[in-house]
PDB file of all heavy atoms in Angstrom:
ATOM      1  N   LYS A   1     102.058 -50.570 -39.666  1.00  0.00           N
ATOM      2  CA  LYS A   1     102.111 -50.711 -38.264  1.00  0.00           C
ATOM      3  C   LYS A   1     100.843 -50.156 -37.615  1.00  0.00           C
ATOM      4  O   LYS A   1     100.297 -50.776 -36.610  1.00  0.00           O
ATOM      5  CB  LYS A   1     103.302 -50.004 -37.716  1.00  0.00           C
ATOM      6  CG  LYS A   1     104.588 -50.756 -37.994  1.00  0.00           C
ATOM      7  CD  LYS A   1     104.768 -51.977 -37.090  1.00  0.00           C
ATOM      8  CE  LYS A   1     106.022 -52.827 -37.392  1.00  0.00           C
ATOM      9  NZ  LYS A   1     107.182 -52.036 -37.062  1.00  0.00           N
ATOM     10  N   VAL A   2     100.270 -49.150 -38.122  1.00  0.00           N
ATOM     11  CA  VAL A   2      99.043 -48.565 -37.570  1.00  0.00           C
ATOM     12  C   VAL A   2      97.886 -49.583 -37.738  1.00  0.00           C
ATOM     13  O   VAL A   2      97.130 -49.915 -36.810  1.00  0.00           O
ATOM     14  CB  VAL A   2      98.600 -47.212 -38.202  1.00  0.00           C
ATOM     15  CG1 VAL A   2      97.215 -46.846 -37.789  1.00  0.00           C
ATOM     16  CG2 VAL A   2      99.641 -46.160 -37.720  1.00  0.00           C
ATOM     17  N   THR A   3      97.732 -50.150 -38.932  1.00  0.00           N
ATOM     18  CA  THR A   3      96.639 -51.084 -39.196  1.00  0.00           C
ATOM     19  C   THR A   3      96.973 -52.446 -38.558  1.00  0.00           C
ATOM     20  O   THR A   3      96.114 -53.256 -38.377  1.00  0.00           O
ATOM     21  CB  THR A   3      96.454 -51.331 -40.706  1.00  0.00           C
ATOM     22  OG1 THR A   3      97.734 -51.647 -41.342  1.00  0.00           O
ATOM     23  CG2 THR A   3      95.874 -50.049 -41.275  1.00  0.00           C
ATOM     24  N   GLN A   4      98.261 -52.658 -38.213  1.00  0.00           N
ATOM     25  CA  GLN A   4      98.574 -53.967 -37.419  1.00  0.00           C
ATOM     26  C   GLN A   4      97.848 -53.897 -36.115  1.00  0.00           C
ATOM     27  O   GLN A   4      97.593 -55.006 -35.582  1.00  0.00           O
ATOM     28  CB  GLN A   4     100.096 -54.029 -37.269  1.00  0.00           C
ATOM     29  CG  GLN A   4     100.491 -55.340 -36.678  1.00  0.00           C
ATOM     30  CD  GLN A   4     102.028 -55.428 -36.557  1.00  0.00           C
ATOM     31  OE1 GLN A   4     102.704 -54.594 -35.863  1.00  0.00           O
ATOM     32  NE2 GLN A   4     102.712 -56.431 -37.123  1.00  0.00           N
ATOM     33  N   GLY A   5      97.526 -52.747 -35.590  1.00  0.00           N
ATOM     34  CA  GLY A   5      96.707 -52.651 -34.416  1.00  0.00           C
ATOM     35  C   GLY A   5      95.359 -53.378 -34.524  1.00  0.00           C
ATOM     36  O   GLY A   5      94.927 -54.085 -33.644  1.00  0.00           O
ATOM     37  N   LEU A   6      94.816 -53.216 -35.779  1.00  0.00           N
ATOM     38  CA  LEU A   6      93.544 -53.932 -36.030  1.00  0.00           C
ATOM     39  C   LEU A   6      93.780 -55.458 -36.186  1.00  0.00           C
ATOM     40  O   LEU A   6      92.951 -56.269 -35.735  1.00  0.00           O
ATOM     41  CB  LEU A   6      92.988 -53.410 -37.372  1.00  0.00           C
ATOM     42  CG  LEU A   6      92.385 -51.950 -37.330  1.00  0.00           C
ATOM     43  CD1 LEU A   6      92.099 -51.517 -38.735  1.00  0.00           C
ATOM     44  CD2 LEU A   6      91.100 -51.970 -36.520  1.00  0.00           C
ATOM     45  N   ASN A   7      94.956 -55.825 -36.732  1.00  0.00           N
ATOM     46  CA  ASN A   7      95.341 -57.254 -36.839  1.00  0.00           C
ATOM     47  C   ASN A   7      95.341 -57.791 -35.356  1.00  0.00           C
ATOM     48  O   ASN A   7      94.857 -58.940 -35.143  1.00  0.00           O
ATOM     49  CB  ASN A   7      96.647 -57.380 -37.524  1.00  0.00           C
ATOM     50  CG  ASN A   7      97.017 -58.791 -38.038  1.00  0.00           C
ATOM     51  OD1 ASN A   7      97.473 -59.030 -39.091  1.00  0.00           O
ATOM     52  ND2 ASN A   7      96.704 -59.792 -37.118  1.00  0.00           N
ATOM     53  N   PHE A   8      96.071 -57.076 -34.511  1.00  0.00           N
ATOM     54  CA  PHE A   8      96.163 -57.552 -33.089  1.00  0.00           C
ATOM     55  C   PHE A   8      94.742 -57.716 -32.474  1.00  0.00           C
ATOM     56  O   PHE A   8      94.486 -58.701 -31.725  1.00  0.00           O
ATOM     57  CB  PHE A   8      96.953 -56.558 -32.309  1.00  0.00           C
ATOM     58  CG  PHE A   8      98.386 -56.538 -32.570  1.00  0.00           C
ATOM     59  CD1 PHE A   8      99.219 -55.463 -32.328  1.00  0.00           C
ATOM     60  CD2 PHE A   8      98.994 -57.726 -33.005  1.00  0.00           C
ATOM     61  CE1 PHE A   8     100.514 -55.385 -32.564  1.00  0.00           C
ATOM     62  CE2 PHE A   8     100.426 -57.708 -33.288  1.00  0.00           C
ATOM     63  CZ  PHE A   8     101.121 -56.569 -33.100  1.00  0.00           C
ATOM     64  N   ALA A   9      93.819 -56.701 -32.703  1.00  0.00           N
ATOM     65  CA  ALA A   9      92.567 -56.734 -32.133  1.00  0.00           C
ATOM     66  C   ALA A   9      91.698 -58.000 -32.722  1.00  0.00           C
ATOM     67  O   ALA A   9      91.099 -58.696 -31.926  1.00  0.00           O
ATOM     68  CB  ALA A   9      91.749 -55.493 -32.485  1.00  0.00           C
ATOM     69  N   VAL A  10      91.836 -58.172 -34.071  1.00  0.00           N
ATOM     70  CA  VAL A  10      91.078 -59.290 -34.639  1.00  0.00           C
ATOM     71  C   VAL A  10      91.599 -60.635 -34.031  1.00  0.00           C
ATOM     72  O   VAL A  10      90.866 -61.457 -33.627  1.00  0.00           O
ATOM     73  CB  VAL A  10      91.272 -59.358 -36.116  1.00  0.00           C
ATOM     74  CG1 VAL A  10      90.730 -60.571 -36.787  1.00  0.00           C
ATOM     75  CG2 VAL A  10      90.536 -58.107 -36.760  1.00  0.00           C
ATOM     76  N   SER A  11      92.942 -60.776 -33.867  1.00  0.00           N
ATOM     77  CA  SER A  11      93.560 -61.992 -33.394  1.00  0.00           C
ATOM     78  C   SER A  11      93.111 -62.264 -32.006  1.00  0.00           C
ATOM     79  O   SER A  11      92.737 -63.345 -31.677  1.00  0.00           O
ATOM     80  CB  SER A  11      95.121 -61.863 -33.464  1.00  0.00           C
ATOM     81  OG  SER A  11      95.659 -63.006 -32.875  1.00  0.00           O
ATOM     82  N   ALA A  12      93.178 -61.270 -31.107  1.00  0.00           N
ATOM     83  CA  ALA A  12      92.755 -61.470 -29.669  1.00  0.00           C
ATOM     84  C   ALA A  12      91.308 -61.743 -29.531  1.00  0.00           C
ATOM     85  O   ALA A  12      90.856 -62.661 -28.780  1.00  0.00           O
ATOM     86  CB  ALA A  12      93.132 -60.278 -28.820  1.00  0.00           C
ATOM     87  N   MET A  13      90.451 -61.086 -30.360  1.00  0.00           N
ATOM     88  CA  MET A  13      89.002 -61.231 -30.274  1.00  0.00           C
ATOM     89  C   MET A  13      88.596 -62.616 -30.898  1.00  0.00           C
ATOM     90  O   MET A  13      87.783 -63.309 -30.305  1.00  0.00           O
ATOM     91  CB  MET A  13      88.307 -60.150 -30.984  1.00  0.00           C
ATOM     92  CG  MET A  13      88.502 -58.752 -30.315  1.00  0.00           C
ATOM     93  SD  MET A  13      87.748 -57.393 -31.247  1.00  0.00           S
ATOM     94  CE  MET A  13      85.956 -57.626 -30.974  1.00  0.00           C
ATOM     95  N   VAL A  14      89.291 -62.996 -31.970  1.00  0.00           N
ATOM     96  CA  VAL A  14      89.034 -64.312 -32.611  1.00  0.00           C
ATOM     97  C   VAL A  14      89.459 -65.416 -31.609  1.00  0.00           C
ATOM     98  O   VAL A  14      88.694 -66.376 -31.413  1.00  0.00           O
ATOM     99  CB  VAL A  14      89.787 -64.435 -33.955  1.00  0.00           C
ATOM    100  CG1 VAL A  14      89.845 -65.905 -34.363  1.00  0.00           C
ATOM    101  CG2 VAL A  14      88.997 -63.583 -35.003  1.00  0.00           C
ATOM    102  N   GLY A  15      90.553 -65.266 -30.979  1.00  0.00           N
ATOM    103  CA  GLY A  15      91.013 -66.240 -30.005  1.00  0.00           C
ATOM    104  C   GLY A  15      90.065 -66.577 -28.924  1.00  0.00           C
ATOM    105  O   GLY A  15      89.809 -67.726 -28.610  1.00  0.00           O
ATOM    106  N   GLN A  16      89.470 -65.505 -28.299  1.00  0.00           N
ATOM    107  CA  GLN A  16      88.471 -65.727 -27.254  1.00  0.00           C
ATOM    108  C   GLN A  16      87.188 -66.316 -27.804  1.00  0.00           C
ATOM    109  O   GLN A  16      86.618 -67.289 -27.209  1.00  0.00           O
ATOM    110  CB  GLN A  16      88.206 -64.434 -26.624  1.00  0.00           C
ATOM    111  CG  GLN A  16      89.357 -63.869 -25.734  1.00  0.00           C
ATOM    112  CD  GLN A  16      88.948 -62.739 -24.806  1.00  0.00           C
ATOM    113  OE1 GLN A  16      87.757 -62.508 -24.627  1.00  0.00           O
ATOM    114  NE2 GLN A  16      89.965 -62.057 -24.318  1.00  0.00           N
ATOM    115  N   ASN A  17      86.746 -65.815 -29.007  1.00  0.00           N
ATOM    116  CA  ASN A  17      85.503 -66.270 -29.568  1.00  0.00           C
ATOM    117  C   ASN A  17      85.499 -67.711 -30.146  1.00  0.00           C
ATOM    118  O   ASN A  17      84.570 -68.462 -29.987  1.00  0.00           O
ATOM    119  CB  ASN A  17      84.946 -65.287 -30.570  1.00  0.00           C
ATOM    120  CG  ASN A  17      84.302 -64.076 -29.937  1.00  0.00           C
ATOM    121  OD1 ASN A  17      83.123 -64.092 -29.618  1.00  0.00           O
ATOM    122  ND2 ASN A  17      85.175 -63.030 -29.717  1.00  0.00           N
ATOM    123  N   ILE A  18      86.614 -68.056 -30.645  1.00  0.00           N
ATOM    124  CA  ILE A  18      86.707 -69.481 -31.181  1.00  0.00           C
ATOM    125  C   ILE A  18      86.784 -70.423 -30.030  1.00  0.00           C
ATOM    126  O   ILE A  18      86.202 -71.529 -30.088  1.00  0.00           O
ATOM    127  CB  ILE A  18      87.918 -69.593 -32.053  1.00  0.00           C
ATOM    128  CG1 ILE A  18      87.797 -70.799 -33.037  1.00  0.00           C
ATOM    129  CG2 ILE A  18      89.286 -69.759 -31.271  1.00  0.00           C
ATOM    130  CD1 ILE A  18      86.799 -70.503 -34.160  1.00  0.00           C
ATOM    131  N   ALA A  19      87.424 -69.983 -28.953  1.00  0.00           N
ATOM    132  CA  ALA A  19      87.461 -70.934 -27.738  1.00  0.00           C
ATOM    133  C   ALA A  19      85.997 -70.998 -27.097  1.00  0.00           C
ATOM    134  O   ALA A  19      85.708 -72.039 -26.512  1.00  0.00           O
ATOM    135  CB  ALA A  19      88.391 -70.332 -26.711  1.00  0.00           C
ATOM    136  N   ALA A  20      85.173 -69.912 -27.274  1.00  0.00           N
ATOM    137  CA  ALA A  20      83.891 -69.934 -26.753  1.00  0.00           C
ATOM    138  C   ALA A  20      82.803 -70.564 -27.789  1.00  0.00           C
ATOM    139  O   ALA A  20      81.704 -70.519 -27.493  1.00  0.00           O
ATOM    140  CB  ALA A  20      83.513 -68.540 -26.335  1.00  0.00           C
ATOM    141  N   ARG A  21      83.452 -70.890 -28.979  1.00  0.00           N
ATOM    142  CA  ARG A  21      82.621 -71.508 -30.055  1.00  0.00           C
ATOM    143  C   ARG A  21      81.513 -70.512 -30.565  1.00  0.00           C
ATOM    144  O   ARG A  21      80.495 -70.895 -30.968  1.00  0.00           O
ATOM    145  CB  ARG A  21      81.928 -72.804 -29.615  1.00  0.00           C
ATOM    146  CG  ARG A  21      82.915 -73.824 -29.093  1.00  0.00           C
ATOM    147  CD  ARG A  21      82.439 -75.159 -28.887  1.00  0.00           C
ATOM    148  NE  ARG A  21      83.354 -76.153 -28.306  1.00  0.00           N
ATOM    149  CZ  ARG A  21      84.365 -76.670 -28.933  1.00  0.00           C
ATOM    150  NH1 ARG A  21      84.639 -76.470 -30.231  1.00  0.00           N
ATOM    151  NH2 ARG A  21      85.266 -77.489 -28.260  1.00  0.00           N
ATOM    152  N   GLU A  22      81.937 -69.249 -30.589  1.00  0.00           N
ATOM    153  CA  GLU A  22      81.038 -68.170 -31.145  1.00  0.00           C
ATOM    154  C   GLU A  22      81.463 -67.970 -32.581  1.00  0.00           C
ATOM    155  O   GLU A  22      82.149 -66.995 -32.983  1.00  0.00           O
ATOM    156  CB  GLU A  22      81.112 -66.942 -30.349  1.00  0.00           C
ATOM    157  CG  GLU A  22      80.631 -66.991 -28.921  1.00  0.00           C
ATOM    158  CD  GLU A  22      79.165 -66.997 -28.847  1.00  0.00           C
ATOM    159  OE1 GLU A  22      78.471 -66.771 -29.920  1.00  0.00           O
ATOM    160  OE2 GLU A  22      78.541 -67.349 -27.823  1.00  0.00           O
ATOM    161  N   TYR A  23      81.101 -68.861 -33.586  1.00  0.00           N
ATOM    162  CA  TYR A  23      81.600 -68.803 -34.922  1.00  0.00           C
ATOM    163  C   TYR A  23      81.048 -67.666 -35.702  1.00  0.00           C
ATOM    164  O   TYR A  23      81.721 -67.033 -36.507  1.00  0.00           O
ATOM    165  CB  TYR A  23      81.249 -70.160 -35.568  1.00  0.00           C
ATOM    166  CG  TYR A  23      81.914 -71.347 -34.901  1.00  0.00           C
ATOM    167  CD1 TYR A  23      81.127 -72.428 -34.506  1.00  0.00           C
ATOM    168  CD2 TYR A  23      83.295 -71.399 -34.733  1.00  0.00           C
ATOM    169  CE1 TYR A  23      81.676 -73.465 -33.843  1.00  0.00           C
ATOM    170  CE2 TYR A  23      83.898 -72.504 -34.015  1.00  0.00           C
ATOM    171  CZ  TYR A  23      83.029 -73.537 -33.637  1.00  0.00           C
ATOM    172  OH  TYR A  23      83.614 -74.567 -33.010  1.00  0.00           O
ATOM    173  N   ARG A  24      79.729 -67.369 -35.575  1.00  0.00           N
ATOM    174  CA  ARG A  24      79.113 -66.236 -36.262  1.00  0.00           C
ATOM    175  C   ARG A  24      79.761 -64.912 -35.904  1.00  0.00           C
ATOM    176  O   ARG A  24      80.103 -64.051 -36.734  1.00  0.00           O
ATOM    177  CB  ARG A  24      77.689 -66.325 -36.126  1.00  0.00           C
ATOM    178  CG  ARG A  24      76.876 -65.135 -36.855  1.00  0.00           C
ATOM    179  CD  ARG A  24      75.395 -65.182 -36.678  1.00  0.00           C
ATOM    180  NE  ARG A  24      74.832 -66.444 -37.165  1.00  0.00           N
ATOM    181  CZ  ARG A  24      73.527 -66.786 -37.199  1.00  0.00           C
ATOM    182  NH1 ARG A  24      72.649 -65.887 -36.631  1.00  0.00           N
ATOM    183  NH2 ARG A  24      73.099 -67.925 -37.700  1.00  0.00           N
ATOM    184  N   ARG A  25      79.969 -64.854 -34.557  1.00  0.00           N
ATOM    185  CA  ARG A  25      80.548 -63.622 -34.146  1.00  0.00           C
ATOM    186  C   ARG A  25      82.041 -63.517 -34.653  1.00  0.00           C
ATOM    187  O   ARG A  25      82.496 -62.447 -35.024  1.00  0.00           O
ATOM    188  CB  ARG A  25      80.594 -63.650 -32.527  1.00  0.00           C
ATOM    189  CG  ARG A  25      81.081 -62.344 -31.940  1.00  0.00           C
ATOM    190  CD  ARG A  25      80.936 -62.378 -30.439  1.00  0.00           C
ATOM    191  NE  ARG A  25      81.538 -61.263 -29.855  1.00  0.00           N
ATOM    192  CZ  ARG A  25      81.116 -60.031 -29.710  1.00  0.00           C
ATOM    193  NH1 ARG A  25      79.855 -59.788 -30.194  1.00  0.00           N
ATOM    194  NH2 ARG A  25      81.725 -59.090 -29.077  1.00  0.00           N
ATOM    195  N   THR A  26      82.698 -64.583 -34.696  1.00  0.00           N
ATOM    196  CA  THR A  26      84.117 -64.564 -35.207  1.00  0.00           C
ATOM    197  C   THR A  26      84.119 -64.129 -36.635  1.00  0.00           C
ATOM    198  O   THR A  26      85.033 -63.308 -37.010  1.00  0.00           O
ATOM    199  CB  THR A  26      84.648 -65.982 -35.055  1.00  0.00           C
ATOM    200  OG1 THR A  26      84.677 -66.496 -33.769  1.00  0.00           O
ATOM    201  CG2 THR A  26      86.053 -66.071 -35.702  1.00  0.00           C
ATOM    202  N   ARG A  27      83.192 -64.628 -37.500  1.00  0.00           N
ATOM    203  CA  ARG A  27      83.158 -64.120 -38.867  1.00  0.00           C
ATOM    204  C   ARG A  27      82.846 -62.621 -38.975  1.00  0.00           C
ATOM    205  O   ARG A  27      83.489 -61.993 -39.725  1.00  0.00           O
ATOM    206  CB  ARG A  27      82.033 -64.903 -39.595  1.00  0.00           C
ATOM    207  CG  ARG A  27      81.994 -64.684 -41.107  1.00  0.00           C
ATOM    208  CD  ARG A  27      80.943 -65.605 -41.779  1.00  0.00           C
ATOM    209  NE  ARG A  27      81.261 -67.005 -41.624  1.00  0.00           N
ATOM    210  CZ  ARG A  27      80.739 -67.854 -40.801  1.00  0.00           C
ATOM    211  NH1 ARG A  27      79.692 -67.439 -39.964  1.00  0.00           N
ATOM    212  NH2 ARG A  27      81.003 -69.156 -40.768  1.00  0.00           N
ATOM    213  N   SER A  28      82.026 -62.114 -38.109  1.00  0.00           N
ATOM    214  CA  SER A  28      81.788 -60.617 -38.137  1.00  0.00           C
ATOM    215  C   SER A  28      83.048 -59.873 -37.703  1.00  0.00           C
ATOM    216  O   SER A  28      83.301 -58.840 -38.249  1.00  0.00           O
ATOM    217  CB  SER A  28      80.617 -60.267 -37.136  1.00  0.00           C
ATOM    218  OG  SER A  28      79.394 -60.913 -37.619  1.00  0.00           O
ATOM    219  N   ILE A  29      83.861 -60.396 -36.735  1.00  0.00           N
ATOM    220  CA  ILE A  29      85.046 -59.784 -36.242  1.00  0.00           C
ATOM    221  C   ILE A  29      85.972 -59.585 -37.425  1.00  0.00           C
ATOM    222  O   ILE A  29      86.599 -58.540 -37.634  1.00  0.00           O
ATOM    223  CB  ILE A  29      85.673 -60.534 -35.094  1.00  0.00           C
ATOM    224  CG1 ILE A  29      84.774 -60.410 -33.842  1.00  0.00           C
ATOM    225  CG2 ILE A  29      87.105 -60.125 -34.857  1.00  0.00           C
ATOM    226  CD1 ILE A  29      85.116 -61.378 -32.818  1.00  0.00           C
ATOM    227  N   VAL A  30      86.171 -60.637 -38.260  1.00  0.00           N
ATOM    228  CA  VAL A  30      87.077 -60.683 -39.319  1.00  0.00           C
ATOM    229  C   VAL A  30      86.655 -59.585 -40.341  1.00  0.00           C
ATOM    230  O   VAL A  30      87.565 -58.809 -40.900  1.00  0.00           O
ATOM    231  CB  VAL A  30      87.234 -62.088 -39.980  1.00  0.00           C
ATOM    232  CG1 VAL A  30      88.066 -61.979 -41.278  1.00  0.00           C
ATOM    233  CG2 VAL A  30      87.775 -62.961 -39.078  1.00  0.00           C
ATOM    234  N   LEU A  31      85.338 -59.581 -40.693  1.00  0.00           N
ATOM    235  CA  LEU A  31      84.886 -58.606 -41.707  1.00  0.00           C
ATOM    236  C   LEU A  31      84.987 -57.208 -41.224  1.00  0.00           C
ATOM    237  O   LEU A  31      85.394 -56.307 -42.045  1.00  0.00           O
ATOM    238  CB  LEU A  31      83.380 -58.964 -42.060  1.00  0.00           C
ATOM    239  CG  LEU A  31      83.153 -60.289 -42.773  1.00  0.00           C
ATOM    240  CD1 LEU A  31      81.661 -60.509 -42.882  1.00  0.00           C
ATOM    241  CD2 LEU A  31      83.841 -60.233 -44.129  1.00  0.00           C
ATOM    242  N   TRP A  32      84.814 -56.904 -39.967  1.00  0.00           N
ATOM    243  CA  TRP A  32      84.925 -55.577 -39.431  1.00  0.00           C
ATOM    244  C   TRP A  32      86.395 -55.174 -39.578  1.00  0.00           C
ATOM    245  O   TRP A  32      86.811 -54.010 -39.804  1.00  0.00           O
ATOM    246  CB  TRP A  32      84.436 -55.472 -38.072  1.00  0.00           C
ATOM    247  CG  TRP A  32      82.979 -55.182 -37.951  1.00  0.00           C
ATOM    248  CD1 TRP A  32      82.008 -56.041 -37.601  1.00  0.00           C
ATOM    249  CD2 TRP A  32      82.434 -53.902 -38.206  1.00  0.00           C
ATOM    250  NE1 TRP A  32      80.751 -55.348 -37.557  1.00  0.00           N
ATOM    251  CE2 TRP A  32      80.953 -54.058 -38.036  1.00  0.00           C
ATOM    252  CE3 TRP A  32      82.854 -52.633 -38.625  1.00  0.00           C
ATOM    253  CZ2 TRP A  32      80.069 -52.961 -38.151  1.00  0.00           C
ATOM    254  CZ3 TRP A  32      81.966 -51.569 -38.703  1.00  0.00           C
ATOM    255  CH2 TRP A  32      80.622 -51.790 -38.545  1.00  0.00           C
ATOM    256  N   GLY A  33      87.365 -56.135 -39.199  1.00  0.00           N
ATOM    257  CA  GLY A  33      88.764 -55.755 -39.291  1.00  0.00           C
ATOM    258  C   GLY A  33      89.133 -55.417 -40.717  1.00  0.00           C
ATOM    259  O   GLY A  33      89.911 -54.463 -40.932  1.00  0.00           O
TER     260      GLY A  33
END
């Protein structure tokens, strides 16, 4: 559950960046998560 907070963060950040078509940034978000 604690690390699920990181899952939530990755999901929300990816959702915004994929809509903004920031693909390289999206990839970095997943790796940091």
